[in-house]
Amino acid sequence: MVEVLVLSKKDLQQSLTMKNTIGVVEEAFKGLALGEVVMPPSAFIAVPKHKGEWVVKSALINNLDVFGVKMSCGYFENPQKHNLPSVMGVVAIADSKTGAPLAIMDGGMITGYRTGAVAGIAARHLARKNSKIAA
């Protein structure tokens, strides 16, 4: 029997930090540059009937033997119409040796942290060494 770790938004709020996210995202970028990560193009699906959209992203991280998929949506009328966040989703992680699912996580917070981490990493590597302000 396979045990799947389920992490809610509350669980992630207690364990996920921007500092850790920046480190993990930076390592993922390095892995991509070194050919250790396989990342196919994202799939985008518009939902015009409900003024929404879905994006599905995936990656195989060979040096860690894991495969991940993130399904995230943008329904930008949600806060006003349905009292829901405009961005939501799920992240699933599986063992790439066996295909066994390892974890399912709330994707909203992960998406926000990942987006912020990319900006921080870009500033770290692209800004002049003596820069004090990023805009």
C-alpha atoms as a PDB file:
ATOM      1  CA  MET A   1       0.000   0.000   0.000  1.00  0.00           C
ATOM      2  CA  VAL A   2       1.321   3.436  -0.945  1.00  0.00           C
ATOM      3  CA  GLU A   3       1.022   6.226   1.625  1.00  0.00           C
ATOM      4  CA  VAL A   4       0.402   9.611  -0.009  1.00  0.00           C
ATOM      5  CA  LEU A   5       1.292  12.707   1.975  1.00  0.00           C
ATOM      6  CA  VAL A   6      -1.474  15.321   1.746  1.00  0.00           C
ATOM      7  CA  LEU A   7      -0.495  18.903   2.573  1.00  0.00           C
ATOM      8  CA  SER A   8      -3.186  21.542   2.936  1.00  0.00           C
ATOM      9  CA  LYS A   9      -2.654  25.285   2.697  1.00  0.00           C
ATOM     10  CA  LYS A  10      -2.507  25.358   6.503  1.00  0.00           C
ATOM     11  CA  ASP A  11       0.209  22.684   6.488  1.00  0.00           C
ATOM     12  CA  LEU A  12       2.214  24.661   3.950  1.00  0.00           C
ATOM     13  CA  GLN A  13       1.829  27.907   5.915  1.00  0.00           C
ATOM     14  CA  GLN A  14       3.557  26.158   8.818  1.00  0.00           C
ATOM     15  CA  SER A  15       6.461  24.788   6.787  1.00  0.00           C
ATOM     16  CA  LEU A  16       6.996  26.709   3.546  1.00  0.00           C
ATOM     17  CA  THR A  17       9.182  29.817   3.597  1.00  0.00           C
ATOM     18  CA  MET A  18      10.259  32.164   0.829  1.00  0.00           C
ATOM     19  CA  LYS A  19      13.911  31.547   1.720  1.00  0.00           C
ATOM     20  CA  ASN A  20      13.509  27.784   1.285  1.00  0.00           C
ATOM     21  CA  THR A  21      11.471  28.267  -1.873  1.00  0.00           C
ATOM     22  CA  ILE A  22      14.170  30.442  -3.437  1.00  0.00           C
ATOM     23  CA  GLY A  23      16.757  27.741  -2.716  1.00  0.00           C
ATOM     24  CA  VAL A  24      14.641  24.941  -4.171  1.00  0.00           C
ATOM     25  CA  VAL A  25      13.655  26.925  -7.283  1.00  0.00           C
ATOM     26  CA  GLU A  26      17.276  27.939  -7.855  1.00  0.00           C
ATOM     27  CA  GLU A  27      18.351  24.284  -7.632  1.00  0.00           C
ATOM     28  CA  ALA A  28      15.600  23.362 -10.110  1.00  0.00           C
ATOM     29  CA  PHE A  29      16.874  25.991 -12.570  1.00  0.00           C
ATOM     30  CA  LYS A  30      20.406  24.620 -12.202  1.00  0.00           C
ATOM     31  CA  GLY A  31      19.101  21.112 -12.826  1.00  0.00           C
ATOM     32  CA  LEU A  32      17.297  22.304 -15.935  1.00  0.00           C
ATOM     33  CA  ALA A  33      20.485  23.961 -17.229  1.00  0.00           C
ATOM     34  CA  LEU A  34      22.504  20.790 -16.528  1.00  0.00           C
ATOM     35  CA  GLY A  35      19.955  18.516 -18.236  1.00  0.00           C
ATOM     36  CA  GLU A  36      18.902  16.810 -14.977  1.00  0.00           C
ATOM     37  CA  VAL A  37      15.383  18.218 -15.279  1.00  0.00           C
ATOM     38  CA  VAL A  38      12.992  17.502 -18.130  1.00  0.00           C
ATOM     39  CA  MET A  39      10.287  20.145 -18.370  1.00  0.00           C
ATOM     40  CA  PRO A  40       7.842  19.958 -21.261  1.00  0.00           C
ATOM     41  CA  PRO A  41       5.926  23.051 -22.367  1.00  0.00           C
ATOM     42  CA  SER A  42       2.988  24.082 -20.204  1.00  0.00           C
ATOM     43  CA  ALA A  43      -0.530  23.270 -21.330  1.00  0.00           C
ATOM     44  CA  PHE A  44      -2.938  26.221 -21.290  1.00  0.00           C
ATOM     45  CA  ILE A  45      -6.699  25.723 -21.366  1.00  0.00           C
ATOM     46  CA  ALA A  46      -9.060  28.694 -21.566  1.00  0.00           C
ATOM     47  CA  VAL A  47     -12.493  28.425 -19.964  1.00  0.00           C
ATOM     48  CA  PRO A  48     -14.241  31.411 -21.589  1.00  0.00           C
ATOM     49  CA  LYS A  49     -17.710  30.377 -20.402  1.00  0.00           C
ATOM     50  CA  HIS A  50     -16.614  31.097 -16.816  1.00  0.00           C
ATOM     51  CA  LYS A  51     -13.880  33.657 -17.572  1.00  0.00           C
ATOM     52  CA  GLY A  52     -11.175  31.326 -16.317  1.00  0.00           C
ATOM     53  CA  GLU A  53      -8.068  29.521 -17.383  1.00  0.00           C
ATOM     54  CA  TRP A  54      -6.045  26.458 -16.423  1.00  0.00           C
ATOM     55  CA  VAL A  55      -2.314  25.887 -16.751  1.00  0.00           C
ATOM     56  CA  VAL A  56      -0.748  22.454 -16.343  1.00  0.00           C
ATOM     57  CA  LYS A  57       3.002  22.318 -15.746  1.00  0.00           C
ATOM     58  CA  SER A  58       5.118  19.223 -15.227  1.00  0.00           C
ATOM     59  CA  ALA A  59       8.735  18.214 -14.730  1.00  0.00           C
ATOM     60  CA  LEU A  60      10.865  15.139 -14.227  1.00  0.00           C
ATOM     61  CA  ILE A  61      13.791  15.683 -11.867  1.00  0.00           C
ATOM     62  CA  ASN A  62      16.135  12.830 -12.730  1.00  0.00           C
ATOM     63  CA  ASN A  63      18.730  13.361  -9.996  1.00  0.00           C
ATOM     64  CA  LEU A  64      15.977  13.203  -7.325  1.00  0.00           C
ATOM     65  CA  ASP A  65      13.876  10.491  -9.038  1.00  0.00           C
ATOM     66  CA  VAL A  66      10.683  12.534  -8.750  1.00  0.00           C
ATOM     67  CA  PHE A  67       8.029  13.674 -11.183  1.00  0.00           C
ATOM     68  CA  GLY A  68       5.751  16.617 -10.456  1.00  0.00           C
ATOM     69  CA  VAL A  69       2.607  18.112 -11.944  1.00  0.00           C
ATOM     70  CA  LYS A  70       1.006  21.420 -11.044  1.00  0.00           C
ATOM     71  CA  MET A  71      -2.510  22.269 -12.152  1.00  0.00           C
ATOM     72  CA  SER A  72      -3.367  25.877 -11.403  1.00  0.00           C
ATOM     73  CA  CYS A  73      -6.245  28.051 -12.425  1.00  0.00           C
ATOM     74  CA  GLY A  74      -6.952  31.716 -12.725  1.00  0.00           C
ATOM     75  CA  TYR A  75     -10.594  32.682 -12.237  1.00  0.00           C
ATOM     76  CA  PHE A  76     -10.211  36.397 -11.689  1.00  0.00           C
ATOM     77  CA  GLU A  77     -13.876  37.080 -10.884  1.00  0.00           C
ATOM     78  CA  ASN A  78     -13.848  34.510  -8.060  1.00  0.00           C
ATOM     79  CA  PRO A  79     -13.258  36.958  -5.187  1.00  0.00           C
ATOM     80  CA  GLN A  80     -16.296  39.083  -6.094  1.00  0.00           C
ATOM     81  CA  LYS A  81     -18.628  36.405  -7.439  1.00  0.00           C
ATOM     82  CA  HIS A  82     -17.851  33.327  -5.326  1.00  0.00           C
ATOM     83  CA  ASN A  83     -15.799  34.509  -2.339  1.00  0.00           C
ATOM     84  CA  LEU A  84     -12.930  32.293  -3.521  1.00  0.00           C
ATOM     85  CA  PRO A  85      -9.308  33.071  -4.392  1.00  0.00           C
ATOM     86  CA  SER A  86      -8.629  33.925  -8.019  1.00  0.00           C
ATOM     87  CA  VAL A  87      -5.657  31.527  -8.166  1.00  0.00           C
ATOM     88  CA  MET A  88      -5.994  27.941  -6.916  1.00  0.00           C
ATOM     89  CA  GLY A  89      -4.593  24.562  -7.795  1.00  0.00           C
ATOM     90  CA  VAL A  90      -2.914  21.353  -6.741  1.00  0.00           C
ATOM     91  CA  VAL A  91       0.594  19.950  -6.954  1.00  0.00           C
ATOM     92  CA  ALA A  92       1.198  16.208  -7.196  1.00  0.00           C
ATOM     93  CA  ILE A  93       4.581  14.539  -6.741  1.00  0.00           C
ATOM     94  CA  ALA A  94       5.383  10.940  -7.717  1.00  0.00           C
ATOM     95  CA  ASP A  95       8.369   8.605  -7.502  1.00  0.00           C
ATOM     96  CA  SER A  96       9.806   8.408 -11.024  1.00  0.00           C
ATOM     97  CA  LYS A  97      11.323   4.945 -10.365  1.00  0.00           C
ATOM     98  CA  THR A  98       7.985   3.301  -9.607  1.00  0.00           C
ATOM     99  CA  GLY A  99       5.298   5.833 -10.490  1.00  0.00           C
ATOM    100  CA  ALA A 100       3.997   5.703  -6.921  1.00  0.00           C
ATOM    101  CA  PRO A 101       2.307   8.931  -5.818  1.00  0.00           C
ATOM    102  CA  LEU A 102       4.182  10.583  -2.959  1.00  0.00           C
ATOM    103  CA  ALA A 103       2.337  13.813  -2.173  1.00  0.00           C
ATOM    104  CA  ILE A 104      -0.596  16.023  -3.078  1.00  0.00           C
ATOM    105  CA  MET A 105      -0.424  19.644  -2.010  1.00  0.00           C
ATOM    106  CA  ASP A 106      -2.483  22.805  -2.173  1.00  0.00           C
ATOM    107  CA  GLY A 107      -1.059  24.747  -5.104  1.00  0.00           C
ATOM    108  CA  GLY A 108      -2.137  28.317  -4.417  1.00  0.00           C
ATOM    109  CA  MET A 109       0.569  29.177  -1.921  1.00  0.00           C
ATOM    110  CA  ILE A 110       3.194  27.201  -3.833  1.00  0.00           C
ATOM    111  CA  THR A 111       2.352  29.157  -6.999  1.00  0.00           C
ATOM    112  CA  GLY A 112       2.677  32.497  -5.230  1.00  0.00           C
ATOM    113  CA  TYR A 113       5.956  31.597  -3.549  1.00  0.00           C
ATOM    114  CA  ARG A 114       7.414  30.161  -6.756  1.00  0.00           C
ATOM    115  CA  THR A 115       6.528  33.319  -8.689  1.00  0.00           C
ATOM    116  CA  GLY A 116       8.184  35.490  -6.052  1.00  0.00           C
ATOM    117  CA  ALA A 117      11.218  33.205  -5.890  1.00  0.00           C
ATOM    118  CA  VAL A 118      11.823  33.534  -9.629  1.00  0.00           C
ATOM    119  CA  ALA A 119      11.901  37.321  -9.319  1.00  0.00           C
ATOM    120  CA  GLY A 120      14.337  37.101  -6.395  1.00  0.00           C
ATOM    121  CA  ILE A 121      16.618  34.682  -8.233  1.00  0.00           C
ATOM    122  CA  ALA A 122      16.595  36.864 -11.348  1.00  0.00           C
ATOM    123  CA  ALA A 123      17.491  39.935  -9.286  1.00  0.00           C
ATOM    124  CA  ARG A 124      20.288  38.043  -7.520  1.00  0.00           C
ATOM    125  CA  HIS A 125      21.902  36.894 -10.755  1.00  0.00           C
ATOM    126  CA  LEU A 126      21.125  39.763 -13.132  1.00  0.00           C
ATOM    127  CA  ALA A 127      21.439  42.876 -10.976  1.00  0.00           C
ATOM    128  CA  ARG A 128      24.665  44.828 -10.612  1.00  0.00           C
ATOM    129  CA  LYS A 129      26.642  43.688  -7.563  1.00  0.00           C
ATOM    130  CA  ASN A 130      26.258  47.039  -5.776  1.00  0.00           C
ATOM    131  CA  SER A 131      22.488  47.358  -6.374  1.00  0.00           C
ATOM    132  CA  LYS A 132      20.372  48.215  -3.338  1.00  0.00           C
ATOM    133  CA  ILE A 133      16.875  48.559  -4.889  1.00  0.00           C
ATOM    134  CA  ALA A 134      14.940  46.294  -7.246  1.00  0.00           C
ATOM    135  CA  ALA A 135      11.914  47.588  -9.104  1.00  0.00           C
END
